[in-house]
């Protein structure tokens, strides 16, 4: 749980931190007085580490990465086309062996 005034991390039973309590003791408020608490829209400053960049920002590095991707995609395309041609050839051979297709008549 955090302090309701400054947002510092507190124990379970505390509502305000010791620093805020000292400041409030210097300017006491009469009992029954309406006190407006600060809005929670402003979060206390976080100590998060900045996100690590996942992308290259220099053109030379980006060109090398893109060339590598193009090589892999070209390789995948060639393998897919060869696989398709082998599958078609196997289908034609199976049909020929079953007598349903005469391959030689296709080339005459």
PDB file of N, CA and C in Angstrom:
ATOM      1  N   UNK A   1       0.853  -1.171   0.000  1.00  0.00           N
ATOM      2  CA  UNK A   1       0.000   0.000   0.000  1.00  0.00           C
ATOM      3  C   UNK A   1       0.899   1.234   0.000  1.00  0.00           C
ATOM      4  N   UNK A   2       0.452   2.305  -0.615  1.00  0.00           N
ATOM      5  CA  UNK A   2       1.238   3.518  -0.703  1.00  0.00           C
ATOM      6  C   UNK A   2       0.649   4.637   0.124  1.00  0.00           C
ATOM      7  N   UNK A   3       1.489   5.611   0.450  1.00  0.00           N
ATOM      8  CA  UNK A   3       1.054   6.801   1.190  1.00  0.00           C
ATOM      9  C   UNK A   3      -0.007   7.533   0.374  1.00  0.00           C
ATOM     10  N   UNK A   4      -1.070   7.989   1.018  1.00  0.00           N
ATOM     11  CA  UNK A   4      -2.152   8.664   0.309  1.00  0.00           C
ATOM     12  C   UNK A   4      -1.755  10.061  -0.148  1.00  0.00           C
ATOM     13  N   UNK A   5      -0.642  10.572   0.362  1.00  0.00           N
ATOM     14  CA  UNK A   5      -0.231  11.920  -0.019  1.00  0.00           C
ATOM     15  C   UNK A   5       0.900  11.896  -1.046  1.00  0.00           C
ATOM     16  N   UNK A   6       1.952  11.131  -0.777  1.00  0.00           N
ATOM     17  CA  UNK A   6       3.108  11.162  -1.684  1.00  0.00           C
ATOM     18  C   UNK A   6       3.294   9.872  -2.473  1.00  0.00           C
ATOM     19  N   UNK A   7       2.646   8.786  -2.085  1.00  0.00           N
ATOM     20  CA  UNK A   7       2.717   7.549  -2.845  1.00  0.00           C
ATOM     21  C   UNK A   7       3.820   6.591  -2.448  1.00  0.00           C
ATOM     22  N   UNK A   8       4.602   6.899  -1.419  1.00  0.00           N
ATOM     23  CA  UNK A   8       5.675   5.993  -0.998  1.00  0.00           C
ATOM     24  C   UNK A   8       5.091   4.697  -0.459  1.00  0.00           C
ATOM     25  N   UNK A   9       5.858   3.631  -0.597  1.00  0.00           N
ATOM     26  CA  UNK A   9       5.381   2.325  -0.148  1.00  0.00           C
ATOM     27  C   UNK A   9       5.366   2.274   1.373  1.00  0.00           C
ATOM     28  N   UNK A  10       4.285   1.731   1.924  1.00  0.00           N
ATOM     29  CA  UNK A  10       4.085   1.692   3.379  1.00  0.00           C
ATOM     30  C   UNK A  10       3.777   0.272   3.833  1.00  0.00           C
ATOM     31  N   UNK A  11       3.697   0.122   5.148  1.00  0.00           N
ATOM     32  CA  UNK A  11       3.282  -1.138   5.737  1.00  0.00           C
ATOM     33  C   UNK A  11       1.775  -1.312   5.589  1.00  0.00           C
ATOM     34  N   UNK A  12       1.246  -2.396   6.151  1.00  0.00           N
ATOM     35  CA  UNK A  12      -0.167  -2.714   6.005  1.00  0.00           C
ATOM     36  C   UNK A  12      -1.087  -1.723   6.713  1.00  0.00           C
ATOM     37  N   UNK A  13      -0.734  -1.300   7.928  1.00  0.00           N
ATOM     38  CA  UNK A  13      -1.674  -0.504   8.714  1.00  0.00           C
ATOM     39  C   UNK A  13      -1.511   0.996   8.527  1.00  0.00           C
ATOM     40  N   UNK A  14      -0.461   1.463   7.842  1.00  0.00           N
ATOM     41  CA  UNK A  14      -0.231   2.885   7.685  1.00  0.00           C
ATOM     42  C   UNK A  14      -1.004   3.438   6.491  1.00  0.00           C
ATOM     43  N   UNK A  15      -1.406   4.720   6.633  1.00  0.00           N
ATOM     44  CA  UNK A  15      -2.082   5.410   5.547  1.00  0.00           C
ATOM     45  C   UNK A  15      -1.196   6.522   5.007  1.00  0.00           C
ATOM     46  N   UNK A  16      -0.436   7.163   5.891  1.00  0.00           N
ATOM     47  CA  UNK A  16       0.495   8.218   5.510  1.00  0.00           C
ATOM     48  C   UNK A  16       1.894   7.826   5.972  1.00  0.00           C
ATOM     49  N   UNK A  17       2.909   8.260   5.236  1.00  0.00           N
ATOM     50  CA  UNK A  17       4.286   7.960   5.632  1.00  0.00           C
ATOM     51  C   UNK A  17       4.717   8.903   6.758  1.00  0.00           C
ATOM     52  N   UNK A  18       5.863   8.614   7.361  1.00  0.00           N
ATOM     53  CA  UNK A  18       6.334   9.417   8.485  1.00  0.00           C
ATOM     54  C   UNK A  18       6.630  10.859   8.067  1.00  0.00           C
ATOM     55  N   UNK A  19       7.170  11.073   6.882  1.00  0.00           N
ATOM     56  CA  UNK A  19       7.460  12.431   6.418  1.00  0.00           C
ATOM     57  C   UNK A  19       6.186  13.251   6.282  1.00  0.00           C
ATOM     58  N   UNK A  20       5.160  12.648   5.678  1.00  0.00           N
ATOM     59  CA  UNK A  20       3.897  13.364   5.491  1.00  0.00           C
ATOM     60  C   UNK A  20       3.227  13.653   6.837  1.00  0.00           C
ATOM     61  N   UNK A  21       3.343  12.702   7.787  1.00  0.00           N
ATOM     62  CA  UNK A  21       2.752  12.924   9.106  1.00  0.00           C
ATOM     63  C   UNK A  21       3.428  14.101   9.801  1.00  0.00           C
ATOM     64  N   UNK A  22       4.760  14.224   9.670  1.00  0.00           N
ATOM     65  CA  UNK A  22       5.472  15.347  10.284  1.00  0.00           C
ATOM     66  C   UNK A  22       5.028  16.664   9.656  1.00  0.00           C
ATOM     67  N   UNK A  23       4.876  16.695   8.329  1.00  0.00           N
ATOM     68  CA  UNK A  23       4.423  17.916   7.662  1.00  0.00           C
ATOM     69  C   UNK A  23       3.005  18.279   8.081  1.00  0.00           C
ATOM     70  N   UNK A  24       2.146  17.278   8.241  1.00  0.00           N
ATOM     71  CA  UNK A  24       0.766  17.547   8.638  1.00  0.00           C
ATOM     72  C   UNK A  24       0.694  18.006  10.101  1.00  0.00           C
ATOM     73  N   UNK A  25       1.624  17.537  10.934  1.00  0.00           N
ATOM     74  CA  UNK A  25       1.627  17.945  12.333  1.00  0.00           C
ATOM     75  C   UNK A  25       2.016  19.418  12.465  1.00  0.00           C
ATOM     76  N   UNK A  26       2.793  19.923  11.511  1.00  0.00           N
ATOM     77  CA  UNK A  26       3.191  21.337  11.548  1.00  0.00           C
ATOM     78  C   UNK A  26       2.009  22.250  11.219  1.00  0.00           C
ATOM     79  N   UNK A  27       1.054  21.767  10.452  1.00  0.00           N
ATOM     80  CA  UNK A  27      -0.123  22.566  10.103  1.00  0.00           C
ATOM     81  C   UNK A  27      -1.364  21.761  10.457  1.00  0.00           C
ATOM     82  N   UNK A  28      -1.747  21.736  11.742  1.00  0.00           N
ATOM     83  CA  UNK A  28      -2.882  20.902  12.159  1.00  0.00           C
ATOM     84  C   UNK A  28      -4.210  21.416  11.594  1.00  0.00           C
ATOM     85  N   UNK A  29      -5.142  20.484  11.473  1.00  0.00           N
ATOM     86  CA  UNK A  29      -6.478  20.790  10.955  1.00  0.00           C
ATOM     87  C   UNK A  29      -7.475  20.526  12.076  1.00  0.00           C
ATOM     88  N   UNK A  30      -8.448  21.414  12.210  1.00  0.00           N
ATOM     89  CA  UNK A  30      -9.485  21.248  13.240  1.00  0.00           C
ATOM     90  C   UNK A  30     -10.314  20.002  12.953  1.00  0.00           C
ATOM     91  N   UNK A  31     -10.740  19.285  13.991  1.00  0.00           N
ATOM     92  CA  UNK A  31     -11.576  18.106  13.766  1.00  0.00           C
ATOM     93  C   UNK A  31     -12.875  18.501  13.059  1.00  0.00           C
ATOM     94  N   UNK A  32     -13.303  17.688  12.132  1.00  0.00           N
ATOM     95  CA  UNK A  32     -14.528  17.944  11.392  1.00  0.00           C
ATOM     96  C   UNK A  32     -14.307  18.757  10.122  1.00  0.00           C
ATOM     97  N   UNK A  33     -13.104  19.251   9.912  1.00  0.00           N
ATOM     98  CA  UNK A  33     -12.814  20.030   8.715  1.00  0.00           C
ATOM     99  C   UNK A  33     -12.680  19.079   7.520  1.00  0.00           C
ATOM    100  N   UNK A  34     -13.286  19.477   6.420  1.00  0.00           N
ATOM    101  CA  UNK A  34     -13.201  18.660   5.204  1.00  0.00           C
ATOM    102  C   UNK A  34     -11.825  18.869   4.582  1.00  0.00           C
ATOM    103  N   UNK A  35     -11.143  17.772   4.349  1.00  0.00           N
ATOM    104  CA  UNK A  35      -9.812  17.822   3.767  1.00  0.00           C
ATOM    105  C   UNK A  35      -9.868  17.141   2.409  1.00  0.00           C
ATOM    106  N   UNK A  36      -9.369  17.824   1.409  1.00  0.00           N
ATOM    107  CA  UNK A  36      -9.355  17.231   0.064  1.00  0.00           C
ATOM    108  C   UNK A  36      -8.020  16.524  -0.145  1.00  0.00           C
ATOM    109  N   UNK A  37      -8.104  15.238  -0.419  1.00  0.00           N
ATOM    110  CA  UNK A  37      -6.902  14.453  -0.686  1.00  0.00           C
ATOM    111  C   UNK A  37      -6.476  14.673  -2.133  1.00  0.00           C
ATOM    112  N   UNK A  38      -5.206  14.539  -2.428  1.00  0.00           N
ATOM    113  CA  UNK A  38      -4.757  14.726  -3.808  1.00  0.00           C
ATOM    114  C   UNK A  38      -5.350  13.670  -4.731  1.00  0.00           C
ATOM    115  N   UNK A  39      -5.530  14.074  -5.985  1.00  0.00           N
ATOM    116  CA  UNK A  39      -6.073  13.139  -6.969  1.00  0.00           C
ATOM    117  C   UNK A  39      -5.099  12.007  -7.217  1.00  0.00           C
ATOM    118  N   UNK A  40      -5.630  10.845  -7.525  1.00  0.00           N
ATOM    119  CA  UNK A  40      -4.804   9.682  -7.807  1.00  0.00           C
ATOM    120  C   UNK A  40      -4.453   9.597  -9.297  1.00  0.00           C
ATOM    121  N   UNK A  41      -4.815  10.612 -10.077  1.00  0.00           N
ATOM    122  CA  UNK A  41      -4.512  10.558 -11.499  1.00  0.00           C
ATOM    123  C   UNK A  41      -3.014  10.643 -11.747  1.00  0.00           C
ATOM    124  N   UNK A  42      -2.310  11.363 -10.897  1.00  0.00           N
ATOM    125  CA  UNK A  42      -0.867  11.465 -11.050  1.00  0.00           C
ATOM    126  C   UNK A  42      -0.206  10.362 -10.228  1.00  0.00           C
ATOM    127  N   UNK A  43       0.401   9.436 -10.928  1.00  0.00           N
ATOM    128  CA  UNK A  43       1.075   8.337 -10.250  1.00  0.00           C
ATOM    129  C   UNK A  43       2.442   8.806  -9.774  1.00  0.00           C
ATOM    130  N   UNK A  44       2.914   8.263  -8.679  1.00  0.00           N
ATOM    131  CA  UNK A  44       4.260   8.640  -8.230  1.00  0.00           C
ATOM    132  C   UNK A  44       5.281   8.232  -9.280  1.00  0.00           C
ATOM    133  N   UNK A  45       6.388   8.918  -9.345  1.00  0.00           N
ATOM    134  CA  UNK A  45       7.385   8.586 -10.367  1.00  0.00           C
ATOM    135  C   UNK A  45       7.858   7.149 -10.213  1.00  0.00           C
ATOM    136  N   UNK A  46       7.909   6.453 -11.320  1.00  0.00           N
ATOM    137  CA  UNK A  46       8.314   5.048 -11.271  1.00  0.00           C
ATOM    138  C   UNK A  46       9.807   4.931 -11.557  1.00  0.00           C
ATOM    139  N   UNK A  47      10.367   3.864 -11.065  1.00  0.00           N
ATOM    140  CA  UNK A  47      11.788   3.621 -11.270  1.00  0.00           C
ATOM    141  C   UNK A  47      11.988   2.480 -12.249  1.00  0.00           C
ATOM    142  N   UNK A  48      11.109   2.398 -13.231  1.00  0.00           N
ATOM    143  CA  UNK A  48      11.218   1.341 -14.213  1.00  0.00           C
ATOM    144  C   UNK A  48      12.387   1.621 -15.147  1.00  0.00           C
ATOM    145  N   UNK A  49      12.999   0.539 -15.597  1.00  0.00           N
ATOM    146  CA  UNK A  49      14.076   0.673 -16.561  1.00  0.00           C
ATOM    147  C   UNK A  49      13.462   0.970 -17.925  1.00  0.00           C
ATOM    148  N   UNK A  50      14.130   1.763 -18.735  1.00  0.00           N
ATOM    149  CA  UNK A  50      13.592   2.016 -20.069  1.00  0.00           C
ATOM    150  C   UNK A  50      13.600   0.727 -20.892  1.00  0.00           C
ATOM    151  N   UNK A  51      12.640   0.611 -21.797  1.00  0.00           N
ATOM    152  CA  UNK A  51      12.546  -0.579 -22.621  1.00  0.00           C
ATOM    153  C   UNK A  51      13.751  -0.692 -23.544  1.00  0.00           C
ATOM    154  N   UNK A  52      14.210  -1.908 -23.684  1.00  0.00           N
ATOM    155  CA  UNK A  52      15.332  -2.144 -24.585  1.00  0.00           C
ATOM    156  C   UNK A  52      14.837  -2.111 -26.016  1.00  0.00           C
ATOM    157  N   UNK A  53      15.571  -1.464 -26.872  1.00  0.00           N
ATOM    158  CA  UNK A  53      15.148  -1.368 -28.274  1.00  0.00           C
ATOM    159  C   UNK A  53      15.291  -2.732 -28.928  1.00  0.00           C
ATOM    160  N   UNK A  54      14.232  -3.135 -29.601  1.00  0.00           N
ATOM    161  CA  UNK A  54      14.250  -4.415 -30.283  1.00  0.00           C
ATOM    162  C   UNK A  54      14.608  -4.261 -31.753  1.00  0.00           C
ATOM    163  N   UNK A  55      14.577  -3.058 -32.240  1.00  0.00           N
ATOM    164  CA  UNK A  55      14.822  -2.822 -33.659  1.00  0.00           C
ATOM    165  C   UNK A  55      16.108  -2.036 -33.841  1.00  0.00           C
ATOM    166  N   UNK A  56      16.694  -2.183 -35.009  1.00  0.00           N
ATOM    167  CA  UNK A  56      17.892  -1.435 -35.341  1.00  0.00           C
ATOM    168  C   UNK A  56      17.478  -0.071 -35.879  1.00  0.00           C
ATOM    169  N   UNK A  57      18.188   0.937 -35.498  1.00  0.00           N
ATOM    170  CA  UNK A  57      17.865   2.279 -35.959  1.00  0.00           C
ATOM    171  C   UNK A  57      18.878   2.785 -36.978  1.00  0.00           C
ATOM    172  N   UNK A  58      19.992   2.085 -37.125  1.00  0.00           N
ATOM    173  CA  UNK A  58      20.990   2.494 -38.091  1.00  0.00           C
ATOM    174  C   UNK A  58      20.720   1.774 -39.410  1.00  0.00           C
ATOM    175  N   UNK A  59      20.817   2.499 -40.508  1.00  0.00           N
ATOM    176  CA  UNK A  59      20.437   1.963 -41.814  1.00  0.00           C
ATOM    177  C   UNK A  59      21.280   0.752 -42.204  1.00  0.00           C
ATOM    178  N   UNK A  60      22.573   0.764 -41.912  1.00  0.00           N
ATOM    179  CA  UNK A  60      23.430  -0.341 -42.311  1.00  0.00           C
ATOM    180  C   UNK A  60      23.011  -1.641 -41.621  1.00  0.00           C
ATOM    181  N   UNK A  61      22.687  -1.567 -40.351  1.00  0.00           N
ATOM    182  CA  UNK A  61      22.251  -2.753 -39.619  1.00  0.00           C
ATOM    183  C   UNK A  61      20.903  -3.248 -40.137  1.00  0.00           C
ATOM    184  N   UNK A  62      20.022  -2.321 -40.443  1.00  0.00           N
ATOM    185  CA  UNK A  62      18.697  -2.704 -40.911  1.00  0.00           C
ATOM    186  C   UNK A  62      18.781  -3.346 -42.297  1.00  0.00           C
ATOM    187  N   UNK A  63      19.653  -2.840 -43.165  1.00  0.00           N
ATOM    188  CA  UNK A  63      19.809  -3.423 -44.499  1.00  0.00           C
ATOM    189  C   UNK A  63      20.326  -4.846 -44.390  1.00  0.00           C
ATOM    190  N   UNK A  64      21.307  -5.076 -43.520  1.00  0.00           N
ATOM    191  CA  UNK A  64      21.818  -6.433 -43.329  1.00  0.00           C
ATOM    192  C   UNK A  64      20.752  -7.389 -42.828  1.00  0.00           C
ATOM    193  N   UNK A  65      19.921  -6.922 -41.904  1.00  0.00           N
ATOM    194  CA  UNK A  65      18.847  -7.756 -41.368  1.00  0.00           C
ATOM    195  C   UNK A  65      17.822  -8.079 -42.446  1.00  0.00           C
ATOM    196  N   UNK A  66      17.465  -7.074 -43.254  1.00  0.00           N
ATOM    197  CA  UNK A  66      16.492  -7.303 -44.320  1.00  0.00           C
ATOM    198  C   UNK A  66      17.038  -8.259 -45.378  1.00  0.00           C
ATOM    199  N   UNK A  67      18.320  -8.142 -45.714  1.00  0.00           N
ATOM    200  CA  UNK A  67      18.917  -9.064 -46.683  1.00  0.00           C
ATOM    201  C   UNK A  67      18.873 -10.495 -46.170  1.00  0.00           C
ATOM    202  N   UNK A  68      19.146 -10.674 -44.895  1.00  0.00           N
ATOM    203  CA  UNK A  68      19.094 -12.009 -44.301  1.00  0.00           C
ATOM    204  C   UNK A  68      17.676 -12.576 -44.367  1.00  0.00           C
ATOM    205  N   UNK A  69      16.685 -11.747 -44.071  1.00  0.00           N
ATOM    206  CA  UNK A  69      15.283 -12.201 -44.141  1.00  0.00           C
ATOM    207  C   UNK A  69      14.898 -12.574 -45.562  1.00  0.00           C
ATOM    208  N   UNK A  70      15.360 -11.775 -46.538  1.00  0.00           N
ATOM    209  CA  UNK A  70      15.034 -12.063 -47.941  1.00  0.00           C
ATOM    210  C   UNK A  70      15.671 -13.386 -48.368  1.00  0.00           C
ATOM    211  N   UNK A  71      16.899 -13.656 -47.918  1.00  0.00           N
ATOM    212  CA  UNK A  71      17.546 -14.929 -48.251  1.00  0.00           C
ATOM    213  C   UNK A  71      16.746 -16.110 -47.712  1.00  0.00           C
ATOM    214  N   UNK A  72      16.314 -16.008 -46.457  1.00  0.00           N
ATOM    215  CA  UNK A  72      15.541 -17.101 -45.865  1.00  0.00           C
ATOM    216  C   UNK A  72      14.193 -17.272 -46.556  1.00  0.00           C
ATOM    217  N   UNK A  73      13.539 -16.178 -46.895  1.00  0.00           N
ATOM    218  CA  UNK A  73      12.246 -16.285 -47.577  1.00  0.00           C
ATOM    219  C   UNK A  73      12.410 -16.872 -48.979  1.00  0.00           C
ATOM    220  N   UNK A  74      13.484 -16.512 -49.677  1.00  0.00           N
ATOM    221  CA  UNK A  74      13.755 -17.080 -50.996  1.00  0.00           C
ATOM    222  C   UNK A  74      14.011 -18.577 -50.883  1.00  0.00           C
ATOM    223  N   UNK A  75      14.788 -18.969 -49.903  1.00  0.00           N
ATOM    224  CA  UNK A  75      15.057 -20.381 -49.679  1.00  0.00           C
ATOM    225  C   UNK A  75      13.759 -21.142 -49.396  1.00  0.00           C
ATOM    226  N   UNK A  76      12.904 -20.577 -48.561  1.00  0.00           N
ATOM    227  CA  UNK A  76      11.631 -21.228 -48.229  1.00  0.00           C
ATOM    228  C   UNK A  76      10.746 -21.344 -49.468  1.00  0.00           C
ATOM    229  N   UNK A  77      10.737 -20.320 -50.319  1.00  0.00           N
ATOM    230  CA  UNK A  77       9.938 -20.361 -51.541  1.00  0.00           C
ATOM    231  C   UNK A  77      10.443 -21.446 -52.486  1.00  0.00           C
ATOM    232  N   UNK A  78      11.762 -21.554 -52.657  1.00  0.00           N
ATOM    233  CA  UNK A  78      12.327 -22.581 -53.533  1.00  0.00           C
ATOM    234  C   UNK A  78      11.991 -23.971 -53.008  1.00  0.00           C
ATOM    235  N   UNK A  79      12.122 -24.173 -51.714  1.00  0.00           N
ATOM    236  CA  UNK A  79      11.799 -25.479 -51.118  1.00  0.00           C
ATOM    237  C   UNK A  79      10.315 -25.796 -51.312  1.00  0.00           C
ATOM    238  N   UNK A  80       9.442 -24.809 -51.158  1.00  0.00           N
ATOM    239  CA  UNK A  80       8.005 -25.046 -51.330  1.00  0.00           C
ATOM    240  C   UNK A  80       7.675 -25.402 -52.777  1.00  0.00           C
ATOM    241  N   UNK A  81       8.276 -24.704 -53.749  1.00  0.00           N
ATOM    242  CA  UNK A  81       8.009 -24.999 -55.161  1.00  0.00           C
ATOM    243  C   UNK A  81       8.529 -26.390 -55.521  1.00  0.00           C
ATOM    244  N   UNK A  82       9.740 -26.730 -55.072  1.00  0.00           N
ATOM    245  CA  UNK A  82      10.270 -28.069 -55.345  1.00  0.00           C
ATOM    246  C   UNK A  82       9.407 -29.153 -54.702  1.00  0.00           C
ATOM    247  N   UNK A  83       8.947 -28.896 -53.497  1.00  0.00           N
ATOM    248  CA  UNK A  83       8.058 -29.857 -52.833  1.00  0.00           C
ATOM    249  C   UNK A  83       6.764 -30.050 -53.602  1.00  0.00           C
ATOM    250  N   UNK A  84       6.222 -28.964 -54.138  1.00  0.00           N
ATOM    251  CA  UNK A  84       4.993 -29.056 -54.927  1.00  0.00           C
ATOM    252  C   UNK A  84       5.231 -29.872 -56.202  1.00  0.00           C
ATOM    253  N   UNK A  85       6.351 -29.620 -56.894  1.00  0.00           N
ATOM    254  CA  UNK A  85       6.645 -30.353 -58.125  1.00  0.00           C
ATOM    255  C   UNK A  85       6.864 -31.848 -57.854  1.00  0.00           C
ATOM    256  N   UNK A  86       7.534 -32.161 -56.767  1.00  0.00           N
ATOM    257  CA  UNK A  86       7.733 -33.569 -56.410  1.00  0.00           C
ATOM    258  C   UNK A  86       6.393 -34.221 -56.096  1.00  0.00           C
ATOM    259  N   UNK A  87       5.512 -33.530 -55.392  1.00  0.00           N
ATOM    260  CA  UNK A  87       4.195 -34.088 -55.067  1.00  0.00           C
ATOM    261  C   UNK A  87       3.388 -34.349 -56.333  1.00  0.00           C
ATOM    262  N   UNK A  88       3.428 -33.428 -57.301  1.00  0.00           N
ATOM    263  CA  UNK A  88       2.705 -33.620 -58.560  1.00  0.00           C
ATOM    264  C   UNK A  88       3.282 -34.812 -59.321  1.00  0.00           C
ATOM    265  N   UNK A  89       4.610 -34.934 -59.339  1.00  0.00           N
ATOM    266  CA  UNK A  89       5.240 -36.059 -60.028  1.00  0.00           C
ATOM    267  C   UNK A  89       4.851 -37.392 -59.392  1.00  0.00           C
ATOM    268  N   UNK A  90       4.813 -37.435 -58.086  1.00  0.00           N
ATOM    269  CA  UNK A  90       4.427 -38.668 -57.383  1.00  0.00           C
ATOM    270  C   UNK A  90       2.977 -39.022 -57.684  1.00  0.00           C
ATOM    271  N   UNK A  91       2.111 -38.034 -57.729  1.00  0.00           N
ATOM    272  CA  UNK A  91       0.697 -38.292 -58.046  1.00  0.00           C
ATOM    273  C   UNK A  91       0.560 -38.861 -59.456  1.00  0.00           C
ATOM    274  N   UNK A  92       1.303 -38.246 -60.437  1.00  0.00           N
ATOM    275  CA  UNK A  92       1.250 -38.765 -61.799  1.00  0.00           C
ATOM    276  C   UNK A  92       1.773 -40.191 -61.881  1.00  0.00           C
ATOM    277  N   UNK A  93       2.865 -40.493 -61.181  1.00  0.00           N
ATOM    278  CA  UNK A  93       3.404 -41.853 -61.204  1.00  0.00           C
ATOM    279  C   UNK A  93       2.434 -42.858 -60.572  1.00  0.00           C
ATOM    280  N   UNK A  94       1.804 -42.488 -59.481  1.00  0.00           N
ATOM    281  CA  UNK A  94       0.838 -43.392 -58.843  1.00  0.00           C
ATOM    282  C   UNK A  94      -0.353 -43.656 -59.765  1.00  0.00           C
ATOM    283  N   UNK A  95      -0.827 -42.606 -60.432  1.00  0.00           N
ATOM    284  CA  UNK A  95      -1.942 -42.797 -61.374  1.00  0.00           C
ATOM    285  C   UNK A  95      -1.514 -43.674 -62.558  1.00  0.00           C
ATOM    286  N   UNK A  96      -0.276 -43.512 -63.007  1.00  0.00           N
ATOM    287  CA  UNK A  96       0.229 -44.325 -64.117  1.00  0.00           C
ATOM    288  C   UNK A  96       0.344 -45.792 -63.701  1.00  0.00           C
ATOM    289  N   UNK A  97       0.858 -46.052 -62.499  1.00  0.00           N
ATOM    290  CA  UNK A  97       1.003 -47.428 -62.031  1.00  0.00           C
ATOM    291  C   UNK A  97      -0.346 -48.107 -61.815  1.00  0.00           C
ATOM    292  N   UNK A  98      -1.369 -47.340 -61.482  1.00  0.00           N
ATOM    293  CA  UNK A  98      -2.693 -47.935 -61.300  1.00  0.00           C
ATOM    294  C   UNK A  98      -3.418 -48.102 -62.633  1.00  0.00           C
ATOM    295  N   UNK A  99      -2.855 -47.574 -63.691  1.00  0.00           N
ATOM    296  CA  UNK A  99      -3.466 -47.738 -65.006  1.00  0.00           C
ATOM    297  C   UNK A  99      -4.517 -46.689 -65.302  1.00  0.00           C
ATOM    298  N   UNK A 100      -4.664 -45.687 -64.513  1.00  0.00           N
ATOM    299  CA  UNK A 100      -5.675 -44.659 -64.741  1.00  0.00           C
ATOM    300  C   UNK A 100      -5.167 -43.516 -65.603  1.00  0.00           C
ATOM    301  N   UNK A 101      -3.852 -43.469 -65.846  1.00  0.00           N
ATOM    302  CA  UNK A 101      -3.269 -42.382 -66.606  1.00  0.00           C
ATOM    303  C   UNK A 101      -2.099 -42.912 -67.422  1.00  0.00           C
ATOM    304  N   UNK A 102      -2.090 -42.559 -68.715  1.00  0.00           N
ATOM    305  CA  UNK A 102      -0.971 -42.945 -69.562  1.00  0.00           C
ATOM    306  C   UNK A 102      -0.089 -41.711 -69.747  1.00  0.00           C
ATOM    307  N   UNK A 103       1.063 -41.710 -69.074  1.00  0.00           N
ATOM    308  CA  UNK A 103       1.947 -40.534 -69.079  1.00  0.00           C
ATOM    309  C   UNK A 103       2.511 -40.291 -70.471  1.00  0.00           C
ATOM    310  N   UNK A 104       2.826 -41.343 -71.196  1.00  0.00           N
ATOM    311  CA  UNK A 104       3.413 -41.185 -72.518  1.00  0.00           C
ATOM    312  C   UNK A 104       2.454 -40.520 -73.488  1.00  0.00           C
ATOM    313  N   UNK A 105       1.151 -40.754 -73.307  1.00  0.00           N
ATOM    314  CA  UNK A 105       0.172 -40.131 -74.211  1.00  0.00           C
ATOM    315  C   UNK A 105       0.048 -38.631 -73.986  1.00  0.00           C
ATOM    316  N   UNK A 106       0.484 -38.174 -72.819  1.00  0.00           N
ATOM    317  CA  UNK A 106       0.439 -36.728 -72.526  1.00  0.00           C
ATOM    318  C   UNK A 106       1.456 -35.960 -73.367  1.00  0.00           C
ATOM    319  N   UNK A 107       2.569 -36.631 -73.744  1.00  0.00           N
ATOM    320  CA  UNK A 107       3.636 -35.945 -74.476  1.00  0.00           C
ATOM    321  C   UNK A 107       3.570 -36.162 -75.981  1.00  0.00           C
ATOM    322  N   UNK A 108       2.602 -36.849 -76.494  1.00  0.00           N
ATOM    323  CA  UNK A 108       2.494 -37.104 -77.942  1.00  0.00           C
ATOM    324  C   UNK A 108       1.709 -36.028 -78.621  1.00  0.00           C
TER     325      UNK A 108
END
